[in-house]
């Protein structure tokens, strides 16, 4: 399964991000609308589910253009963070925090940048090349 990114202008800081709409896909969202957002610098316009999971598990450190992968996440203690933990990692929020503590302690990958709100995540992704995140809504305006 492959997802095509829809391109949006993000008004924050006049940056561009691209988004993949993962609406009601049984493999990622049941009753929720989830989107993957990524900074246009580095993040490809097309990504398969297995590639998405590999990125979020720290198995991929660079995008195909050489840009460093930078993961942004909403806190795993939030309902959205817990949903993403279950769908991407097949773990609960506490297990995901432990997973990332182990990876970062071993020096294998920088831990995700964790935020309290979706707006903070969107701002971070728009300002950081190679940044990618999963959210539950689209707030950007289409081209």
N, C-alpha and C. Protein backbone atom coordinates (compact mmCIF):
# COMPACT_ATOMS: atom_id res chain seq x y z
N UNK A 1 0.85 -1.16 0.00
CA UNK A 1 0.00 0.00 0.00
C UNK A 1 0.90 1.23 0.00
N UNK A 2 0.58 2.20 -0.81
CA UNK A 2 1.38 3.41 -0.95
C UNK A 2 0.46 4.61 -0.78
N UNK A 3 1.01 5.69 -0.24
CA UNK A 3 0.22 6.90 -0.02
C UNK A 3 0.84 8.04 -0.80
N UNK A 4 0.03 8.77 -1.54
CA UNK A 4 0.51 9.95 -2.25
C UNK A 4 0.29 11.17 -1.37
N UNK A 5 1.28 12.02 -1.32
CA UNK A 5 1.19 13.22 -0.51
C UNK A 5 0.40 14.28 -1.26
N UNK A 6 -0.49 14.93 -0.56
CA UNK A 6 -1.19 16.10 -1.07
C UNK A 6 -0.34 17.30 -0.64
N UNK A 7 -0.11 18.24 -1.50
CA UNK A 7 0.75 19.37 -1.16
C UNK A 7 -0.10 20.55 -0.69
N UNK A 8 0.33 21.15 0.38
CA UNK A 8 -0.37 22.27 0.99
C UNK A 8 0.62 23.39 1.30
N UNK A 9 0.14 24.61 1.22
CA UNK A 9 0.93 25.73 1.71
C UNK A 9 0.62 25.87 3.19
N UNK A 10 1.62 25.91 3.97
CA UNK A 10 1.45 26.07 5.41
C UNK A 10 1.78 27.52 5.70
N UNK A 11 0.86 28.25 6.30
CA UNK A 11 1.03 29.68 6.48
C UNK A 11 2.03 30.04 7.57
N UNK A 12 2.29 29.14 8.51
CA UNK A 12 3.25 29.44 9.55
C UNK A 12 4.63 29.59 8.95
N UNK A 13 5.24 30.72 9.19
CA UNK A 13 6.59 31.01 8.74
C UNK A 13 6.74 30.86 7.22
N UNK A 14 5.66 30.90 6.48
CA UNK A 14 5.66 30.80 5.03
C UNK A 14 6.37 29.53 4.53
N UNK A 15 6.38 28.50 5.34
CA UNK A 15 7.02 27.25 4.96
C UNK A 15 6.02 26.35 4.25
N UNK A 16 6.53 25.42 3.52
CA UNK A 16 5.69 24.43 2.87
C UNK A 16 5.85 23.09 3.56
N UNK A 17 4.76 22.39 3.71
CA UNK A 17 4.82 21.01 4.16
C UNK A 17 3.95 20.20 3.23
N UNK A 18 4.18 18.92 3.21
CA UNK A 18 3.30 18.06 2.42
C UNK A 18 2.62 17.10 3.37
N UNK A 19 1.46 16.63 2.96
CA UNK A 19 0.65 15.78 3.82
C UNK A 19 0.15 14.56 3.09
N UNK A 20 0.01 13.50 3.83
CA UNK A 20 -0.65 12.30 3.35
C UNK A 20 -1.90 12.13 4.18
N UNK A 21 -3.00 11.98 3.53
CA UNK A 21 -4.24 11.79 4.25
C UNK A 21 -4.44 10.30 4.45
N UNK A 22 -4.57 9.88 5.70
CA UNK A 22 -4.75 8.47 6.01
C UNK A 22 -6.15 8.28 6.59
N UNK A 23 -7.13 8.71 5.85
CA UNK A 23 -8.50 8.72 6.34
C UNK A 23 -9.10 7.32 6.37
N UNK A 24 -9.51 6.92 7.52
CA UNK A 24 -10.27 5.68 7.71
C UNK A 24 -9.61 4.46 7.09
N UNK A 25 -8.30 4.41 7.06
CA UNK A 25 -7.62 3.20 6.60
C UNK A 25 -7.61 2.21 7.74
N UNK A 26 -8.04 1.00 7.49
CA UNK A 26 -8.15 0.03 8.57
C UNK A 26 -6.80 -0.27 9.20
N UNK A 27 -5.71 -0.13 8.44
CA UNK A 27 -4.40 -0.43 9.00
C UNK A 27 -3.87 0.67 9.91
N UNK A 28 -4.40 1.87 9.83
CA UNK A 28 -3.88 2.96 10.65
C UNK A 28 -4.96 3.67 11.46
N UNK A 29 -6.12 3.86 10.91
CA UNK A 29 -7.15 4.58 11.64
C UNK A 29 -8.50 3.95 11.40
N UNK A 30 -9.25 3.78 12.47
CA UNK A 30 -10.57 3.20 12.31
C UNK A 30 -11.62 4.30 12.22
N UNK A 31 -11.89 4.96 13.30
CA UNK A 31 -12.87 6.04 13.30
C UNK A 31 -12.21 7.41 13.27
N UNK A 32 -10.89 7.45 13.17
CA UNK A 32 -10.16 8.71 13.21
C UNK A 32 -9.62 9.05 11.83
N UNK A 33 -9.47 10.33 11.58
CA UNK A 33 -8.79 10.80 10.38
C UNK A 33 -7.38 11.17 10.81
N UNK A 34 -6.41 10.44 10.34
CA UNK A 34 -5.02 10.72 10.66
C UNK A 34 -4.31 11.20 9.41
N UNK A 35 -3.38 12.12 9.60
CA UNK A 35 -2.58 12.61 8.49
C UNK A 35 -1.11 12.51 8.86
N UNK A 36 -0.30 12.27 7.86
CA UNK A 36 1.14 12.34 8.02
C UNK A 36 1.56 13.65 7.39
N UNK A 37 2.28 14.47 8.15
CA UNK A 37 2.79 15.71 7.59
C UNK A 37 4.31 15.63 7.55
N UNK A 38 4.88 16.23 6.52
CA UNK A 38 6.33 16.22 6.41
C UNK A 38 6.81 17.49 5.75
N UNK A 39 7.97 17.95 6.14
CA UNK A 39 8.58 19.13 5.53
C UNK A 39 8.99 18.76 4.10
N UNK A 40 8.73 19.65 3.16
CA UNK A 40 9.05 19.37 1.76
C UNK A 40 10.53 19.14 1.53
N UNK A 41 11.38 19.65 2.41
CA UNK A 41 12.82 19.43 2.29
C UNK A 41 13.14 18.07 2.89
N UNK A 42 13.23 17.08 2.04
CA UNK A 42 13.63 15.75 2.47
C UNK A 42 12.54 14.71 2.41
N UNK A 43 11.39 14.97 2.99
CA UNK A 43 10.33 13.97 3.07
C UNK A 43 9.78 13.71 1.67
N UNK A 44 9.76 12.44 1.24
CA UNK A 44 9.29 12.13 -0.11
C UNK A 44 7.80 12.39 -0.28
N UNK A 45 7.39 12.56 -1.51
CA UNK A 45 5.98 12.79 -1.82
C UNK A 45 5.15 11.54 -1.86
N UNK A 46 5.77 10.40 -1.68
CA UNK A 46 5.07 9.11 -1.71
C UNK A 46 5.76 8.19 -0.72
N UNK A 47 5.01 7.56 0.15
CA UNK A 47 5.61 6.68 1.15
C UNK A 47 4.66 5.51 1.43
N UNK A 48 5.22 4.34 1.53
CA UNK A 48 4.43 3.14 1.83
C UNK A 48 4.30 2.99 3.34
N UNK A 49 3.25 2.29 3.76
CA UNK A 49 3.00 2.10 5.18
C UNK A 49 4.20 1.46 5.88
N UNK A 50 4.81 0.46 5.27
CA UNK A 50 5.95 -0.19 5.93
C UNK A 50 7.13 0.77 6.05
N UNK A 51 7.29 1.67 5.08
CA UNK A 51 8.34 2.69 5.15
C UNK A 51 8.03 3.70 6.25
N UNK A 52 6.77 4.07 6.36
CA UNK A 52 6.34 5.01 7.40
C UNK A 52 6.65 4.44 8.79
N UNK A 53 6.30 3.18 8.98
CA UNK A 53 6.57 2.54 10.27
C UNK A 53 8.07 2.45 10.52
N UNK A 54 8.86 2.14 9.50
CA UNK A 54 10.32 2.07 9.65
C UNK A 54 10.89 3.41 10.07
N UNK A 55 10.37 4.49 9.49
CA UNK A 55 10.83 5.83 9.86
C UNK A 55 10.52 6.10 11.32
N UNK A 56 9.28 5.83 11.74
CA UNK A 56 8.87 6.13 13.10
C UNK A 56 9.48 5.19 14.14
N UNK A 57 10.08 4.10 13.70
CA UNK A 57 10.78 3.19 14.61
C UNK A 57 12.28 3.42 14.61
N UNK A 58 12.72 4.47 13.93
CA UNK A 58 14.14 4.80 13.94
C UNK A 58 15.00 3.90 13.08
N UNK A 59 14.39 3.17 12.16
CA UNK A 59 15.13 2.26 11.29
C UNK A 59 15.68 2.96 10.06
N UNK A 60 15.28 4.17 9.84
CA UNK A 60 15.74 4.96 8.70
C UNK A 60 16.23 6.31 9.21
N UNK A 61 17.50 6.61 9.00
CA UNK A 61 18.06 7.84 9.54
C UNK A 61 18.11 8.99 8.55
N UNK A 62 18.05 8.69 7.27
CA UNK A 62 18.12 9.74 6.24
C UNK A 62 17.08 9.46 5.16
N UNK A 63 16.57 10.57 4.60
CA UNK A 63 15.68 10.46 3.45
C UNK A 63 16.54 10.21 2.21
N UNK A 64 15.93 9.87 1.10
CA UNK A 64 16.68 9.51 -0.11
C UNK A 64 17.55 10.65 -0.63
N UNK A 65 17.21 11.91 -0.30
CA UNK A 65 18.05 13.04 -0.74
C UNK A 65 19.17 13.35 0.25
N UNK A 66 19.30 12.54 1.31
CA UNK A 66 20.35 12.72 2.29
C UNK A 66 19.96 13.54 3.50
N UNK A 67 18.77 14.16 3.48
CA UNK A 67 18.29 14.95 4.61
C UNK A 67 18.04 14.03 5.81
N UNK A 68 18.46 14.48 6.98
CA UNK A 68 18.26 13.70 8.20
C UNK A 68 16.78 13.59 8.54
N UNK A 69 16.34 12.38 8.92
CA UNK A 69 14.97 12.17 9.38
C UNK A 69 14.84 12.77 10.77
N UNK A 70 13.80 13.59 10.95
CA UNK A 70 13.51 14.22 12.24
C UNK A 70 12.06 13.90 12.57
N UNK A 71 11.86 13.15 13.64
CA UNK A 71 10.51 12.73 14.02
C UNK A 71 9.93 13.70 15.04
N UNK A 72 8.70 14.12 14.80
CA UNK A 72 7.96 14.96 15.75
C UNK A 72 6.73 14.17 16.18
N UNK A 73 6.46 14.15 17.46
CA UNK A 73 5.32 13.39 17.98
C UNK A 73 4.57 14.21 19.02
N UNK A 74 3.28 13.94 19.08
CA UNK A 74 2.45 14.46 20.16
C UNK A 74 2.72 13.54 21.37
N UNK A 75 2.63 14.05 22.58
CA UNK A 75 2.91 13.23 23.77
C UNK A 75 2.12 11.92 23.74
N UNK A 76 2.80 10.83 24.09
CA UNK A 76 2.15 9.52 24.08
C UNK A 76 1.14 9.37 25.21
N UNK A 77 1.13 10.30 26.15
CA UNK A 77 0.14 10.26 27.23
C UNK A 77 -1.20 10.86 26.80
N UNK A 78 -1.22 11.51 25.63
CA UNK A 78 -2.47 12.06 25.11
C UNK A 78 -3.25 10.97 24.38
N UNK A 79 -4.55 11.15 24.20
CA UNK A 79 -5.32 10.15 23.44
C UNK A 79 -4.77 9.94 22.03
N UNK A 80 -4.41 11.02 21.33
CA UNK A 80 -3.85 10.89 19.99
C UNK A 80 -2.49 10.19 20.04
N UNK A 81 -1.65 10.57 20.98
CA UNK A 81 -0.35 9.93 21.13
C UNK A 81 -0.47 8.44 21.41
N UNK A 82 -1.45 8.09 22.22
CA UNK A 82 -1.67 6.67 22.51
C UNK A 82 -2.17 5.92 21.28
N UNK A 83 -3.07 6.55 20.51
CA UNK A 83 -3.56 5.93 19.27
C UNK A 83 -2.42 5.69 18.29
N UNK A 84 -1.57 6.69 18.12
CA UNK A 84 -0.43 6.55 17.21
C UNK A 84 0.51 5.46 17.71
N UNK A 85 0.72 5.40 19.02
CA UNK A 85 1.57 4.36 19.61
C UNK A 85 1.04 2.98 19.24
N UNK A 86 -0.25 2.81 19.36
CA UNK A 86 -0.86 1.51 19.04
C UNK A 86 -0.76 1.19 17.55
N UNK A 87 -1.07 2.17 16.70
CA UNK A 87 -1.13 1.92 15.27
C UNK A 87 0.24 1.79 14.61
N UNK A 88 1.21 2.57 15.03
CA UNK A 88 2.53 2.54 14.40
C UNK A 88 3.46 1.55 15.09
N UNK A 89 3.45 1.53 16.42
CA UNK A 89 4.40 0.72 17.17
C UNK A 89 3.82 -0.57 17.71
N UNK A 90 2.51 -0.72 17.70
CA UNK A 90 1.83 -1.84 18.34
C UNK A 90 2.22 -1.92 19.82
N UNK A 91 2.31 -0.75 20.45
CA UNK A 91 2.66 -0.63 21.87
C UNK A 91 1.77 0.44 22.48
N UNK A 92 1.74 0.46 23.82
CA UNK A 92 1.06 1.57 24.48
C UNK A 92 2.05 2.72 24.64
N UNK A 93 1.58 3.85 25.12
CA UNK A 93 2.42 5.04 25.23
C UNK A 93 3.65 4.83 26.10
N UNK A 94 3.49 4.15 27.24
CA UNK A 94 4.63 3.89 28.13
C UNK A 94 5.68 3.03 27.43
N UNK A 95 5.24 2.03 26.69
CA UNK A 95 6.17 1.16 25.97
C UNK A 95 6.92 1.93 24.88
N UNK A 96 6.24 2.84 24.21
CA UNK A 96 6.90 3.65 23.18
C UNK A 96 7.97 4.55 23.81
N UNK A 97 7.66 5.15 24.95
CA UNK A 97 8.67 5.96 25.63
C UNK A 97 9.88 5.12 26.00
N UNK A 98 9.66 3.90 26.48
CA UNK A 98 10.76 2.99 26.81
C UNK A 98 11.54 2.58 25.57
N UNK A 99 10.82 2.33 24.49
CA UNK A 99 11.45 1.97 23.20
C UNK A 99 12.42 3.07 22.78
N UNK A 100 11.95 4.32 22.80
CA UNK A 100 12.79 5.43 22.37
C UNK A 100 13.92 5.72 23.37
N UNK A 101 13.68 5.49 24.64
CA UNK A 101 14.76 5.67 25.63
C UNK A 101 15.90 4.71 25.33
N UNK A 102 15.56 3.47 24.99
CA UNK A 102 16.59 2.48 24.66
C UNK A 102 17.36 2.83 23.40
N UNK A 103 16.66 3.25 22.37
CA UNK A 103 17.31 3.61 21.10
C UNK A 103 18.21 4.82 21.28
N UNK A 104 17.71 5.84 21.96
CA UNK A 104 18.51 7.06 22.10
C UNK A 104 19.68 6.84 23.07
N UNK A 105 19.49 6.04 24.12
CA UNK A 105 20.57 5.75 25.06
C UNK A 105 21.70 5.00 24.35
N UNK A 106 21.34 4.13 23.43
CA UNK A 106 22.34 3.37 22.67
C UNK A 106 23.01 4.22 21.60
N UNK A 107 22.49 5.44 21.39
CA UNK A 107 23.08 6.34 20.40
C UNK A 107 22.75 5.97 18.97
N UNK A 108 21.70 5.18 18.78
CA UNK A 108 21.33 4.73 17.43
C UNK A 108 20.55 5.77 16.65
N UNK A 109 19.79 6.61 17.35
CA UNK A 109 18.90 7.55 16.68
C UNK A 109 18.51 8.62 17.69
N UNK A 110 18.38 9.85 17.23
CA UNK A 110 17.89 10.90 18.12
C UNK A 110 16.44 10.62 18.47
N UNK A 111 16.05 10.82 19.72
CA UNK A 111 14.65 10.57 20.09
C UNK A 111 13.73 11.56 19.37
N UNK A 112 12.46 11.22 19.26
CA UNK A 112 11.51 12.14 18.64
C UNK A 112 11.43 13.44 19.44
N UNK A 113 11.09 14.49 18.75
CA UNK A 113 10.78 15.76 19.38
C UNK A 113 9.32 15.66 19.82
N UNK A 114 9.05 15.82 21.09
CA UNK A 114 7.72 15.58 21.64
C UNK A 114 7.07 16.91 22.01
N UNK A 115 5.79 17.03 21.65
CA UNK A 115 5.06 18.28 21.84
C UNK A 115 3.72 18.04 22.54
N UNK A 116 3.21 19.11 23.16
CA UNK A 116 1.93 19.04 23.87
C UNK A 116 0.74 19.19 22.94
N UNK A 117 0.88 19.97 21.86
CA UNK A 117 -0.25 20.27 21.00
C UNK A 117 0.08 19.99 19.53
N UNK A 118 -0.97 19.79 18.76
CA UNK A 118 -0.78 19.58 17.32
C UNK A 118 -0.24 20.84 16.65
N UNK A 119 -0.64 22.00 17.13
CA UNK A 119 -0.12 23.25 16.56
C UNK A 119 1.39 23.33 16.72
N UNK A 120 1.90 22.92 17.88
CA UNK A 120 3.35 22.90 18.10
C UNK A 120 4.04 21.94 17.14
N UNK A 121 3.42 20.79 16.92
CA UNK A 121 3.98 19.80 15.99
C UNK A 121 4.02 20.39 14.58
N UNK A 122 2.91 20.99 14.14
CA UNK A 122 2.83 21.57 12.80
C UNK A 122 3.90 22.64 12.60
N UNK A 123 4.07 23.50 13.59
CA UNK A 123 5.07 24.56 13.50
C UNK A 123 6.47 23.96 13.38
N UNK A 124 6.77 22.98 14.22
CA UNK A 124 8.08 22.33 14.19
C UNK A 124 8.35 21.70 12.83
N UNK A 125 7.39 20.94 12.31
CA UNK A 125 7.57 20.27 11.02
C UNK A 125 7.77 21.29 9.91
N UNK A 126 7.03 22.38 9.95
CA UNK A 126 7.15 23.39 8.90
C UNK A 126 8.50 24.08 8.90
N UNK A 127 9.17 24.08 10.04
CA UNK A 127 10.43 24.81 10.18
C UNK A 127 11.68 23.94 10.14
N UNK A 128 11.53 22.62 10.05
CA UNK A 128 12.68 21.73 10.14
C UNK A 128 12.75 20.76 8.96
N UNK A 129 13.76 20.93 8.10
CA UNK A 129 13.93 20.01 6.97
C UNK A 129 14.02 18.57 7.46
N UNK A 130 13.34 17.68 6.74
CA UNK A 130 13.35 16.26 7.08
C UNK A 130 12.38 15.86 8.16
N UNK A 131 11.63 16.82 8.72
CA UNK A 131 10.71 16.53 9.82
C UNK A 131 9.43 15.87 9.31
N UNK A 132 8.93 14.92 10.11
CA UNK A 132 7.71 14.17 9.79
C UNK A 132 6.94 13.94 11.07
N UNK A 133 5.60 13.90 10.97
CA UNK A 133 4.74 13.69 12.13
C UNK A 133 3.42 13.09 11.68
N UNK A 134 2.68 12.55 12.63
CA UNK A 134 1.31 12.06 12.39
C UNK A 134 0.39 12.86 13.29
N UNK A 135 -0.68 13.38 12.70
CA UNK A 135 -1.68 14.15 13.43
C UNK A 135 -3.07 13.61 13.14
N UNK A 136 -4.07 14.17 13.80
CA UNK A 136 -5.43 13.68 13.56
C UNK A 136 -6.30 14.62 12.76
N UNK A 137 -5.70 15.63 12.17
CA UNK A 137 -6.51 16.56 11.37
C UNK A 137 -5.62 17.34 10.43
N UNK A 138 -6.24 17.99 9.47
CA UNK A 138 -5.52 18.87 8.54
C UNK A 138 -5.89 20.30 8.89
N UNK A 139 -4.89 21.13 9.14
CA UNK A 139 -5.17 22.52 9.44
C UNK A 139 -4.60 23.46 8.39
N UNK A 140 -3.80 22.90 7.48
CA UNK A 140 -3.20 23.73 6.44
C UNK A 140 -4.21 24.00 5.34
N UNK A 141 -3.96 25.01 4.54
CA UNK A 141 -4.85 25.33 3.44
C UNK A 141 -4.30 24.77 2.14
N UNK A 142 -5.14 24.14 1.32
CA UNK A 142 -4.65 23.55 0.06
C UNK A 142 -4.21 24.58 -0.94
N UNK A 143 -3.33 24.13 -1.89
CA UNK A 143 -2.87 24.99 -2.99
C UNK A 143 -4.05 25.52 -3.77
